[in-house]
Amino acid sequence: MRIMATNCLIPARSSENLVVTRLFRRLPLTMAVACVVGLVGCGPVKPWTIVARTPQVHIDVSAGCPMSLNDWQDVRNTGEGLGSELVPPNPVAALICRYRGNYGGPSVLPLSGRTLYRQVILETTTSRQLATSIAAISLARPPGSLSCPNGNGSASVLTFAYPGRQDVDLWYDDSGCATLDNGKTSAIIDGNPPFYQGFAPLLDRLAPPE
């Protein structure tokens, strides 16, 4: 069963967020979901669809991580369903590729300076745990303008393997206002508790950042 209330963005740094957190701790799941819908006043929404940046890359789990992101800006995927979800459920394996940023301090490196610093292969159970955390992320379009911390150009590519279809890649801009996308559908960290309380900490445990 899909819990459609996860398609709502709520304030990331507000008293409403504290109220929601306390409700989830104290109430049964069905009651907590009903309370969240009442508090934020939203229900199912159309996923935030994007035009993928170019150039794009596609990585297969079996091939491993490229040593550099070169000038790639996004991922390329084929197959059904990626306009309404980031990844399909039940992968059989996954690959995490984490890359250094190309700027920070006084210097700016070329895009090819975004070199690989961590590669992690996940077996079935852990890859499904990561995919489940991604499925919980709200895909709502961010409202209004956002105030983002400075980023350094770092990024990660997550690849999920499935029987009978091409591997599915995600591009994770993991600094600044972090976003996660499959080249068609995107999510943003701000105001998105399943993103910053669920997915991001889990990924950092599985493949620690520098």
Protein backbone atom coordinates (compact mmCIF):
# COMPACT_ATOMS: atom_id res chain seq x y z
CA MET A 1 0.00 0.00 0.00
CA ARG A 2 1.30 3.46 -0.91
CA ILE A 3 0.85 6.24 1.69
CA MET A 4 -0.05 9.20 -0.46
CA ALA A 5 0.53 11.72 2.34
CA THR A 6 4.25 11.45 1.61
CA ASN A 7 3.58 13.57 -1.47
CA CYS A 8 3.28 16.66 0.75
CA LEU A 9 6.13 19.02 1.53
CA ILE A 10 6.11 20.50 5.02
CA PRO A 11 8.28 23.27 6.48
CA ALA A 12 11.75 21.86 7.20
CA ARG A 13 12.63 24.21 10.05
CA SER A 14 9.38 25.11 11.75
CA SER A 15 7.16 24.29 14.71
CA GLU A 16 4.86 22.38 12.33
CA ASN A 17 7.66 19.91 11.68
CA LEU A 18 8.07 19.33 15.42
CA VAL A 19 4.36 18.69 15.79
CA VAL A 20 4.38 16.18 12.93
CA THR A 21 7.42 14.39 14.38
CA ARG A 22 5.76 14.06 17.79
CA LEU A 23 2.55 12.81 16.22
CA PHE A 24 4.36 10.07 14.36
CA ARG A 25 6.08 8.97 17.55
CA ARG A 26 2.91 8.77 19.60
CA LEU A 27 0.13 7.68 17.24
CA PRO A 28 -0.57 4.55 15.20
CA LEU A 29 0.47 4.88 11.57
CA THR A 30 -3.00 5.40 10.10
CA MET A 31 -3.88 8.08 12.66
CA ALA A 32 -0.54 9.85 12.23
CA VAL A 33 -0.96 9.98 8.45
CA ALA A 34 -4.45 11.44 8.85
CA CYS A 35 -3.11 14.11 11.22
CA VAL A 36 -0.31 15.06 8.81
CA VAL A 37 -2.79 15.51 5.97
CA GLY A 38 -4.90 17.72 8.22
CA LEU A 39 -1.93 19.82 9.34
CA VAL A 40 -0.36 20.50 5.97
CA GLY A 41 -3.63 20.59 4.06
CA CYS A 42 -2.57 18.57 1.03
CA GLY A 43 -3.02 15.17 -0.55
CA PRO A 44 -1.78 13.41 -3.65
CA VAL A 45 -0.03 15.76 -6.06
CA LYS A 46 1.45 15.52 -9.52
CA PRO A 47 5.13 14.50 -9.31
CA TRP A 48 7.72 17.17 -10.02
CA THR A 49 8.81 16.40 -13.58
CA ILE A 50 11.96 17.93 -15.02
CA VAL A 51 13.90 18.32 -18.24
CA ALA A 52 17.11 16.38 -17.72
CA ARG A 53 20.36 18.29 -17.87
CA THR A 54 22.88 17.32 -20.51
CA PRO A 55 25.18 15.57 -21.12
CA GLN A 56 23.84 12.44 -19.44
CA VAL A 57 25.34 9.16 -18.29
CA HIS A 58 23.98 5.67 -17.75
CA ILE A 59 25.76 3.30 -15.37
CA ASP A 60 25.09 -0.42 -14.95
CA VAL A 61 25.62 -2.15 -11.62
CA SER A 62 27.71 -4.84 -13.32
CA ALA A 63 30.05 -2.26 -14.91
CA GLY A 64 30.98 -0.47 -11.68
CA CYS A 65 31.54 3.25 -11.17
CA PRO A 66 33.36 5.47 -13.68
CA MET A 67 36.47 6.99 -12.14
CA SER A 68 35.23 10.52 -12.92
CA LEU A 69 31.91 12.21 -13.67
CA ASN A 70 33.60 13.92 -16.64
CA ASP A 71 31.20 16.64 -17.83
CA TRP A 72 28.02 14.63 -17.12
CA GLN A 73 25.19 16.56 -15.50
CA ASP A 74 22.41 13.98 -15.14
CA VAL A 75 21.42 10.36 -15.75
CA ARG A 76 19.71 8.69 -18.72
CA ASN A 77 17.09 6.00 -18.18
CA THR A 78 14.63 4.05 -20.29
CA GLY A 79 11.61 2.01 -19.30
CA GLU A 80 8.15 2.60 -17.90
CA GLY A 81 7.05 4.23 -14.65
CA LEU A 82 9.87 6.72 -14.15
CA GLY A 83 7.58 9.71 -14.64
CA SER A 84 5.69 8.87 -11.45
CA GLU A 85 8.38 7.37 -9.19
CA LEU A 86 12.11 7.73 -8.76
CA VAL A 87 12.91 4.00 -8.75
CA PRO A 88 10.80 0.87 -9.13
CA PRO A 89 10.44 -1.40 -6.08
CA ASN A 90 12.31 -4.64 -5.45
CA PRO A 91 15.75 -4.23 -7.03
CA VAL A 92 18.05 -7.24 -6.86
CA ALA A 93 21.26 -5.22 -6.40
CA ALA A 94 22.47 -1.63 -6.29
CA LEU A 95 25.63 0.40 -6.79
CA ILE A 96 26.55 3.67 -5.05
CA CYS A 97 29.11 5.94 -6.74
CA ARG A 98 30.15 9.06 -4.82
CA TYR A 99 32.18 11.88 -6.40
CA ARG A 100 34.12 14.84 -5.06
CA GLY A 101 33.06 18.40 -5.77
CA ASN A 102 34.90 20.50 -8.32
CA TYR A 103 34.89 23.76 -6.40
CA GLY A 104 35.34 25.05 -2.89
CA GLY A 105 37.42 27.78 -1.34
CA PRO A 106 39.35 29.91 -3.82
CA SER A 107 39.78 27.28 -6.56
CA VAL A 108 37.45 25.85 -9.19
CA LEU A 109 38.43 22.60 -10.91
CA PRO A 110 37.16 21.46 -14.32
CA LEU A 111 34.14 19.16 -14.24
CA SER A 112 36.49 16.23 -14.82
CA GLY A 113 37.89 16.98 -11.35
CA ARG A 114 34.79 15.36 -9.84
CA THR A 115 36.61 12.10 -9.17
CA LEU A 116 35.29 8.94 -7.56
CA TYR A 117 36.02 8.58 -3.85
CA ARG A 118 33.62 5.80 -2.82
CA GLN A 119 32.10 2.77 -4.57
CA VAL A 120 29.74 0.44 -2.71
CA ILE A 121 27.86 -2.57 -4.11
CA LEU A 122 24.67 -3.54 -2.26
CA GLU A 123 23.12 -6.99 -2.16
CA THR A 124 19.39 -7.56 -2.55
CA THR A 125 18.21 -6.90 1.01
CA THR A 126 20.13 -3.65 1.44
CA SER A 127 19.37 -2.41 -2.06
CA ARG A 128 15.65 -2.86 -1.34
CA GLN A 129 16.02 -1.02 1.96
CA LEU A 130 17.57 1.92 0.08
CA ALA A 131 14.90 1.80 -2.65
CA THR A 132 12.17 1.78 0.02
CA SER A 133 13.63 4.89 1.64
CA ILE A 134 13.59 6.60 -1.77
CA ALA A 135 9.99 5.57 -2.41
CA ALA A 136 8.94 7.41 0.77
CA ILE A 137 10.33 10.75 -0.48
CA SER A 138 7.81 13.39 -1.50
CA LEU A 139 7.87 14.22 -5.20
CA ALA A 140 5.97 17.48 -4.76
CA ARG A 141 7.27 20.49 -6.67
CA PRO A 142 9.02 22.88 -4.22
CA PRO A 143 6.81 25.90 -3.49
CA GLY A 144 8.15 29.43 -4.00
CA SER A 145 11.81 30.34 -3.61
CA LEU A 146 14.35 28.46 -1.51
CA SER A 147 17.35 29.65 0.48
CA CYS A 148 20.11 27.10 -0.05
CA PRO A 149 23.49 26.66 1.64
CA ASN A 150 26.56 26.80 -0.57
CA GLY A 151 27.37 23.58 -2.40
CA ASN A 152 30.70 22.31 -3.70
CA GLY A 153 29.58 20.52 -6.87
CA SER A 154 29.77 17.02 -5.36
CA ALA A 155 27.35 14.40 -6.66
CA SER A 156 26.50 10.72 -6.39
CA VAL A 157 25.02 8.27 -8.88
CA LEU A 158 22.89 5.43 -7.52
CA THR A 159 22.16 2.47 -9.78
CA PHE A 160 19.54 -0.23 -9.17
CA ALA A 161 19.43 -3.56 -11.01
CA TYR A 162 16.19 -5.38 -11.86
CA PRO A 163 15.39 -8.60 -13.69
CA GLY A 164 13.95 -8.01 -17.13
CA ARG A 165 14.66 -4.29 -17.48
CA GLN A 166 17.55 -1.86 -17.84
CA ASP A 167 19.21 -0.74 -14.63
CA VAL A 168 17.74 2.48 -13.23
CA ASP A 169 20.08 5.35 -12.30
CA LEU A 170 19.53 8.28 -9.94
CA TRP A 171 21.54 11.50 -9.87
CA TYR A 172 21.99 12.87 -6.34
CA ASP A 173 23.27 16.44 -6.00
CA ASP A 174 24.39 15.93 -2.42
CA SER A 175 25.48 19.44 -1.42
CA GLY A 176 23.64 22.75 -1.22
CA CYS A 177 19.88 22.26 -1.74
CA ALA A 178 20.21 18.54 -2.36
CA THR A 179 18.08 17.02 -5.11
CA LEU A 180 17.52 13.48 -6.35
CA ASP A 181 16.29 12.70 -9.87
CA ASN A 182 16.06 9.97 -12.49
CA GLY A 183 16.20 12.35 -15.45
CA LYS A 184 12.41 12.61 -15.55
CA THR A 185 11.16 12.99 -11.98
CA SER A 186 12.88 14.89 -9.16
CA ALA A 187 12.71 15.51 -5.41
CA ILE A 188 14.29 18.18 -3.22
CA ILE A 189 15.51 17.88 0.37
CA ASP A 190 14.02 21.11 1.73
CA GLY A 191 10.74 20.54 3.62
CA ASN A 192 10.94 16.81 2.84
CA PRO A 193 11.45 14.75 6.05
CA PRO A 194 11.64 11.34 4.32
CA PHE A 195 14.53 12.79 2.29
CA TYR A 196 16.60 14.32 5.13
CA GLN A 197 15.55 11.96 7.94
CA GLY A 198 15.34 8.71 5.96
CA PHE A 199 17.14 8.48 2.64
CA ALA A 200 20.12 10.83 3.17
CA PRO A 201 21.25 9.40 6.54
CA LEU A 202 20.85 5.84 5.25
CA LEU A 203 22.93 6.55 2.16
CA ASP A 204 25.62 8.20 4.31
CA ARG A 205 25.78 5.09 6.49
CA LEU A 206 26.05 2.77 3.50
CA ALA A 207 28.59 4.93 1.62
CA PRO A 208 30.05 7.52 4.02
CA PRO A 209 30.84 10.95 2.52
CA GLU A 210 34.36 12.35 2.70
